[in-house]
Each structure stands twice: as structure tokens, then as C-alpha cells.
Protein backbone atom coordinates (compact mmCIF):
# COMPACT_ATOMS: atom_id res chain seq x y z
CA MET A 1 -27.33 -5.52 46.65
CA ALA A 2 -24.84 -8.18 47.76
CA PHE A 3 -22.36 -7.50 50.58
CA HIS A 4 -19.54 -9.97 51.28
CA THR A 5 -17.10 -9.85 54.18
CA CYS A 6 -14.08 -11.68 52.83
CA GLU A 7 -10.87 -11.21 50.88
CA PHE A 8 -11.49 -9.52 47.52
CA PRO A 9 -11.76 -12.52 45.16
CA PHE A 10 -10.41 -11.04 41.93
CA ASP A 11 -6.91 -10.17 40.76
CA GLU A 12 -6.11 -6.52 40.18
CA VAL A 13 -4.81 -6.04 36.63
CA ALA A 14 -4.42 -2.23 36.80
CA ARG A 15 -4.77 0.64 39.28
CA PHE A 16 -5.87 4.20 38.53
CA ASP A 17 -6.14 7.52 40.34
CA THR A 18 -9.40 8.36 38.58
CA ARG A 19 -12.29 6.51 37.02
CA ALA A 20 -11.81 8.53 33.82
CA GLN A 21 -8.22 7.25 33.49
CA ALA A 22 -9.46 3.67 33.77
CA ILE A 23 -12.16 4.12 31.16
CA SER A 24 -9.79 5.91 28.77
CA SER A 25 -7.40 2.94 29.16
CA GLY A 26 -10.01 0.72 27.56
CA PHE A 27 -11.63 -0.99 30.54
CA ALA A 28 -15.38 -1.43 30.66
CA GLU A 29 -17.23 0.21 33.55
CA THR A 30 -18.13 -3.27 34.81
CA GLN A 31 -14.45 -4.18 35.13
CA LEU A 32 -13.76 -1.27 37.49
CA TRP A 33 -13.99 -1.25 41.27
CA SER A 34 -13.71 1.73 43.59
CA VAL A 35 -11.56 1.06 46.65
CA ALA A 36 -12.23 2.94 49.88
CA GLU A 37 -10.86 2.44 53.40
CA GLU A 38 -12.51 3.07 56.73
CA ASN A 39 -11.36 1.79 60.13
CA SER A 40 -8.88 -0.69 58.62
CA ILE A 41 -11.53 -2.15 56.32
CA PHE A 42 -11.10 -1.90 52.56
CA ILE A 43 -14.39 -1.67 50.68
CA PHE A 44 -14.45 -2.74 47.03
CA GLY A 45 -17.56 -1.53 45.23
CA PRO A 46 -18.88 -0.32 41.90
CA ALA A 47 -16.82 2.31 40.12
CA HIS A 48 -19.44 5.06 40.45
CA HIS A 49 -18.45 5.80 44.08
CA TYR A 50 -16.36 8.89 44.85
CA VAL A 51 -16.61 9.45 48.62
CA ASN A 52 -13.53 8.23 50.54
CA VAL A 53 -12.20 6.46 47.43
CA LEU A 54 -8.45 5.83 47.52
CA TYR A 55 -8.19 4.58 43.92
CA TRP A 56 -9.91 2.47 41.27
CA ILE A 57 -8.81 -0.98 40.14
CA ALA A 58 -9.58 -3.01 37.04
CA THR A 59 -10.14 -6.77 36.96
CA LYS A 60 -10.55 -9.24 34.12
CA GLU A 61 -13.91 -10.24 35.57
CA HIS A 62 -17.04 -8.14 35.12
CA HIS A 63 -19.40 -7.36 37.98
CA ASP A 64 -23.09 -6.52 38.28
CA GLU A 65 -22.48 -3.03 39.78
CA GLU A 66 -24.40 -4.04 42.93
CA THR A 67 -21.84 -6.23 44.70
CA TYR A 68 -19.52 -5.08 47.50
CA TYR A 69 -16.65 -6.75 49.32
CA GLU A 70 -15.34 -5.74 52.75
CA GLU A 71 -11.79 -6.87 53.47
CA TYR A 72 -10.29 -6.34 56.94
CA ASP A 73 -6.57 -5.52 57.06
CA PRO A 74 -5.07 -6.50 60.45
CA GLU A 75 -1.71 -4.88 59.58
CA LEU A 76 -3.41 -1.55 58.91
CA ALA A 77 -5.40 -1.92 62.14
CA ALA A 78 -2.16 -2.45 64.08
CA LEU A 79 -0.70 0.74 62.59
CA ASP A 80 -3.87 2.65 63.51
CA GLU A 81 -3.56 1.40 67.11
CA GLU A 82 0.08 2.53 67.28
CA GLU A 83 -0.94 6.06 66.32
CA VAL A 84 -3.29 6.38 69.31
């Protein structure tokens, strides 16, 4: 399993509320990424995840279903701090 802490390197071509919607739209499973957020960090991973998933995105590129990207969002972190 590969874990990268950096900006997500691929362009989002579509966004879906469910994995089933994405697959029925014609995207391959390997083009889908689940997107979750925890503590101002967005986690992009294989589409089979369901826990804490905000939405699924599709990319032109295919992945190996074992690669994850963690992307920190300082603007979201600032909002979280304001709520405290």
C-alpha cells in the first residue's frame, strides 16, 4: 500500500454521491476515488471505502486500488479553529 502526503495529483472529471452512480455512468472501478475528510485532511483512496466518505470522484487516470493521498486543507483547518 502506498500513502502519499501531498496535493491530489489528478484532475476530477466527475463527482458522485454514490459509487453505484459512478459505475452506472460508465467509469471503471479503477477510475474512482473515495474522498473522506478528517481533521482538515482530505483522504483520497480506492472506491471501495464507505466509512466517513463525503463523495466519490472519477479521474481519467486509473489507479492500482492500493494508493492513498492525504491532502491538508489549511482553509478548512482555519474554519475548524473558529468553531472552537
